[in-house]
């Protein structure tokens, strides 16, 4: 990024963070993404070249460090102390965005890959029974290759699958992409989506009755837009 030629700390911070995708990459790291494929799932439209460039830039600026995984078989990326201190800034930026520039979600804003990756990260596994739980999401308005997703939850881990994992489904969600996205960001409530017929939830009653306890939505879902 071309320098602003100013000593102002705001200018210097903007030089470090102002390039396209950089703040979203910081978001991914704050949300627990560590490996290259994690970043690609959270940022499905970023090119491999740009992703590598941004990771290298963040390392050069001392915001990210590259480490061997615990099993020593791969590399992981972790925020340094400087990077961790960005959490409150990124969260405040998200709150401001939810309050003042929340879009009406054009078709181009909708991404089933990002939605499912985000939802996978916030499932409250402690509110689910011991053993295996399988969630099946069917999007009625998407092409067959993107219409079915599964979450396999076991031992407090949540795996996201695009292929049927082969186990019985415990809870099934049927909806269009826009409705489930609006639910995730807090534009509509679970009750509204179900009552209006845009969302159908079926499966084991002990789980369907407690959906609101374990299906946790975006951290910004409770923020009211000032644009309404």
Protein backbone atom coordinates (compact mmCIF):
# COMPACT_ATOMS: atom_id res chain seq x y z
CA UNK A 1 0.00 0.00 0.00
CA UNK A 2 1.32 3.46 -0.89
CA UNK A 3 2.31 5.44 2.21
CA UNK A 4 0.38 8.56 3.20
CA UNK A 5 3.58 10.45 4.03
CA UNK A 6 2.28 11.46 7.46
CA UNK A 7 3.60 10.76 10.95
CA UNK A 8 0.04 10.70 12.38
CA UNK A 9 -0.61 7.34 14.14
CA UNK A 10 -3.97 7.08 12.35
CA UNK A 11 -2.16 7.36 9.01
CA UNK A 12 0.42 4.76 10.03
CA UNK A 13 -2.30 2.38 11.25
CA UNK A 14 -4.18 2.87 8.00
CA UNK A 15 -1.05 1.92 6.07
CA UNK A 16 -0.85 -1.31 8.06
CA UNK A 17 -4.53 -2.24 7.87
CA UNK A 18 -6.06 -0.36 4.95
CA UNK A 19 -5.36 -2.76 2.09
CA UNK A 20 -8.28 -4.74 0.69
CA UNK A 21 -8.98 -7.97 2.66
CA UNK A 22 -6.56 -7.12 5.49
CA UNK A 23 -9.16 -6.34 8.16
CA UNK A 24 -11.23 -9.36 7.14
CA UNK A 25 -8.14 -11.53 7.47
CA UNK A 26 -7.64 -10.10 10.98
CA UNK A 27 -11.31 -10.96 11.64
CA UNK A 28 -10.68 -14.55 10.60
CA UNK A 29 -7.66 -14.83 12.88
CA UNK A 30 -9.64 -13.39 15.79
CA UNK A 31 -12.38 -15.95 15.09
CA UNK A 32 -9.92 -18.83 15.33
CA UNK A 33 -8.82 -19.46 11.75
CA UNK A 34 -5.24 -20.68 11.71
CA UNK A 35 -4.56 -22.45 8.44
CA UNK A 36 -4.58 -21.43 4.80
CA UNK A 37 -7.71 -23.46 4.03
CA UNK A 38 -9.51 -21.87 7.00
CA UNK A 39 -8.87 -18.43 5.54
CA UNK A 40 -10.14 -19.56 2.15
CA UNK A 41 -13.41 -20.77 3.70
CA UNK A 42 -13.92 -17.55 5.63
CA UNK A 43 -12.89 -15.42 2.63
CA UNK A 44 -14.13 -17.47 -0.35
CA UNK A 45 -13.60 -14.67 -2.89
CA UNK A 46 -9.97 -13.86 -2.05
CA UNK A 47 -7.45 -15.12 -4.57
CA UNK A 48 -4.59 -17.39 -3.42
CA UNK A 49 -2.07 -14.77 -4.53
CA UNK A 50 -3.67 -11.95 -2.57
CA UNK A 51 -4.12 -14.15 0.50
CA UNK A 52 -0.42 -15.00 0.49
CA UNK A 53 0.51 -11.35 -0.02
CA UNK A 54 -1.66 -10.19 2.88
CA UNK A 55 -0.34 -12.89 5.23
CA UNK A 56 3.24 -11.97 4.32
CA UNK A 57 2.50 -8.27 4.86
CA UNK A 58 0.95 -8.90 8.28
CA UNK A 59 3.99 -10.96 9.26
CA UNK A 60 6.35 -8.23 8.09
CA UNK A 61 4.47 -5.66 10.17
CA UNK A 62 4.64 -7.84 13.26
CA UNK A 63 0.89 -8.52 13.53
CA UNK A 64 1.00 -12.21 12.63
CA UNK A 65 3.50 -15.00 13.19
CA UNK A 66 3.81 -18.36 11.46
CA UNK A 67 4.19 -21.44 13.67
CA UNK A 68 4.33 -25.19 13.30
CA UNK A 69 1.12 -26.98 14.26
CA UNK A 70 1.13 -29.12 17.40
CA UNK A 71 1.56 -32.26 15.33
CA UNK A 72 4.42 -30.60 13.41
CA UNK A 73 2.78 -31.57 10.12
CA UNK A 74 1.64 -28.16 8.91
CA UNK A 75 2.00 -24.41 9.42
CA UNK A 76 -0.40 -22.15 11.28
CA UNK A 77 -0.81 -18.41 11.55
CA UNK A 78 -1.32 -16.72 14.91
CA UNK A 79 -1.81 -13.11 15.96
CA UNK A 80 1.00 -11.51 17.91
CA UNK A 81 0.28 -9.23 20.87
CA UNK A 82 0.00 -6.33 18.44
CA UNK A 83 -2.54 -8.29 16.41
CA UNK A 84 -4.56 -9.37 19.44
CA UNK A 85 -4.91 -5.72 20.47
CA UNK A 86 -6.90 -5.14 17.28
CA UNK A 87 -9.82 -7.19 18.63
CA UNK A 88 -11.65 -4.29 20.28
CA UNK A 89 -11.06 -2.12 17.20
CA UNK A 90 -12.42 -4.76 14.82
CA UNK A 91 -15.42 -5.46 17.05
CA UNK A 92 -16.22 -1.75 17.38
CA UNK A 93 -15.98 -1.41 13.61
CA UNK A 94 -18.45 -4.28 13.25
CA UNK A 95 -20.84 -2.68 15.74
CA UNK A 96 -20.64 0.62 13.87
CA UNK A 97 -21.26 -1.18 10.58
CA UNK A 98 -24.29 -3.02 11.98
CA UNK A 99 -25.70 0.22 13.35
CA UNK A 100 -25.01 2.66 10.52
CA UNK A 101 -24.15 0.96 7.22
CA UNK A 102 -25.97 -2.35 7.38
CA UNK A 103 -26.81 -3.06 3.76
CA UNK A 104 -30.06 -4.38 2.34
CA UNK A 105 -28.05 -7.42 1.26
CA UNK A 106 -28.00 -7.48 -2.49
CA UNK A 107 -27.59 -10.84 -4.17
CA UNK A 108 -23.85 -10.21 -4.44
CA UNK A 109 -23.61 -9.90 -0.64
CA UNK A 110 -24.96 -13.39 -0.04
CA UNK A 111 -22.42 -16.20 0.36
CA UNK A 112 -23.47 -19.65 1.52
CA UNK A 113 -19.82 -20.58 2.11
CA UNK A 114 -19.25 -17.69 4.51
CA UNK A 115 -22.63 -18.14 6.21
CA UNK A 116 -22.06 -21.81 6.97
CA UNK A 117 -18.46 -21.22 8.06
CA UNK A 118 -19.62 -18.46 10.43
CA UNK A 119 -22.47 -20.55 11.83
CA UNK A 120 -20.10 -23.46 12.42
CA UNK A 121 -17.93 -21.21 14.58
CA UNK A 122 -20.67 -20.14 16.96
CA UNK A 123 -22.55 -23.38 17.66
CA UNK A 124 -22.74 -23.73 21.45
CA UNK A 125 -21.66 -27.34 21.79
CA UNK A 126 -22.13 -27.21 25.57
CA UNK A 127 -25.90 -26.84 25.05
CA UNK A 128 -26.07 -30.03 22.97
CA UNK A 129 -26.33 -33.57 24.36
CA UNK A 130 -23.27 -35.80 24.74
CA UNK A 131 -22.36 -37.89 21.74
CA UNK A 132 -22.82 -37.08 18.08
CA UNK A 133 -25.23 -34.46 16.73
CA UNK A 134 -25.81 -34.01 13.00
CA UNK A 135 -27.36 -30.85 11.56
CA UNK A 136 -28.50 -30.70 7.94
CA UNK A 137 -29.05 -27.37 6.17
CA UNK A 138 -30.90 -27.38 2.85
CA UNK A 139 -31.04 -24.17 0.80
CA UNK A 140 -34.06 -24.28 -1.46
CA UNK A 141 -32.88 -21.55 -3.84
CA UNK A 142 -29.33 -22.74 -4.59
CA UNK A 143 -27.94 -25.04 -7.23
CA UNK A 144 -27.57 -28.68 -6.21
CA UNK A 145 -23.80 -28.41 -5.64
CA UNK A 146 -24.33 -25.74 -2.96
CA UNK A 147 -27.76 -26.59 -1.60
CA UNK A 148 -26.90 -29.12 1.11
CA UNK A 149 -24.53 -28.66 4.05
CA UNK A 150 -23.98 -30.71 7.19
CA UNK A 151 -22.48 -29.96 10.59
CA UNK A 152 -21.13 -32.94 12.46
CA UNK A 153 -20.76 -32.13 16.16
CA UNK A 154 -18.87 -34.49 18.44
CA UNK A 155 -16.49 -34.06 21.39
CA UNK A 156 -17.10 -30.30 21.34
CA UNK A 157 -15.79 -30.11 17.76
CA UNK A 158 -17.88 -28.93 14.80
CA UNK A 159 -16.99 -30.20 11.33
CA UNK A 160 -18.58 -28.58 8.29
CA UNK A 161 -19.33 -30.99 5.42
CA UNK A 162 -20.56 -30.49 1.87
CA UNK A 163 -21.07 -34.23 1.48
CA UNK A 164 -23.47 -36.33 3.54
CA UNK A 165 -21.40 -37.68 6.46
CA UNK A 166 -23.49 -40.85 6.47
CA UNK A 167 -25.12 -40.48 9.88
CA UNK A 168 -28.79 -39.93 10.71
CA UNK A 169 -29.76 -36.25 10.80
CA UNK A 170 -30.86 -34.96 14.21
CA UNK A 171 -32.08 -31.52 13.10
CA UNK A 172 -32.87 -30.34 9.58
CA UNK A 173 -33.14 -26.70 8.51
CA UNK A 174 -34.84 -25.85 5.23
CA UNK A 175 -34.73 -22.26 4.01
CA UNK A 176 -33.52 -19.94 1.28
CA UNK A 177 -30.10 -18.30 1.60
CA UNK A 178 -31.39 -14.78 2.17
CA UNK A 179 -33.66 -15.80 5.05
CA UNK A 180 -30.98 -17.73 6.90
CA UNK A 181 -28.49 -14.89 6.35
CA UNK A 182 -30.98 -12.33 7.67
CA UNK A 183 -31.52 -14.56 10.69
CA UNK A 184 -27.78 -14.85 11.25
CA UNK A 185 -27.15 -11.07 11.17
CA UNK A 186 -30.21 -10.30 13.29
CA UNK A 187 -32.50 -8.70 10.70
CA UNK A 188 -35.27 -11.18 11.48
CA UNK A 189 -36.01 -13.41 14.47
CA UNK A 190 -36.20 -17.18 14.59
CA UNK A 191 -39.91 -16.98 15.41
CA UNK A 192 -40.61 -14.62 12.51
CA UNK A 193 -38.76 -16.82 10.01
CA UNK A 194 -40.65 -19.91 11.15
CA UNK A 195 -44.08 -18.30 11.47
CA UNK A 196 -43.80 -16.76 8.01
CA UNK A 197 -42.91 -20.14 6.50
CA UNK A 198 -39.49 -19.04 5.26
CA UNK A 199 -37.71 -21.44 7.62
CA UNK A 200 -38.69 -25.01 8.46
CA UNK A 201 -36.99 -26.87 11.29
CA UNK A 202 -37.59 -30.58 11.85
CA UNK A 203 -35.98 -33.42 13.75
CA UNK A 204 -35.63 -34.61 17.32
CA UNK A 205 -38.06 -32.63 19.47
CA UNK A 206 -35.61 -32.28 22.36
CA UNK A 207 -33.27 -30.45 20.01
CA UNK A 208 -35.76 -28.49 17.91
CA UNK A 209 -37.33 -27.07 21.07
CA UNK A 210 -33.96 -25.74 22.23
CA UNK A 211 -32.62 -24.36 18.93
CA UNK A 212 -32.28 -20.83 20.32
CA UNK A 213 -29.94 -22.15 23.05
CA UNK A 214 -27.35 -23.83 20.83
CA UNK A 215 -27.74 -22.10 17.44
CA UNK A 216 -25.93 -18.88 18.35
CA UNK A 217 -26.05 -16.05 15.81
CA UNK A 218 -23.63 -13.27 14.87
CA UNK A 219 -22.03 -11.23 17.64
CA UNK A 220 -23.66 -8.20 15.99
CA UNK A 221 -27.16 -9.70 15.68
CA UNK A 222 -28.45 -7.83 18.73
CA UNK A 223 -27.45 -4.41 17.43
CA UNK A 224 -30.33 -2.37 16.06
CA UNK A 225 -29.78 -0.62 12.76
CA UNK A 226 -30.15 3.16 12.80
CA UNK A 227 -31.24 3.06 9.16
CA UNK A 228 -34.73 1.66 9.81
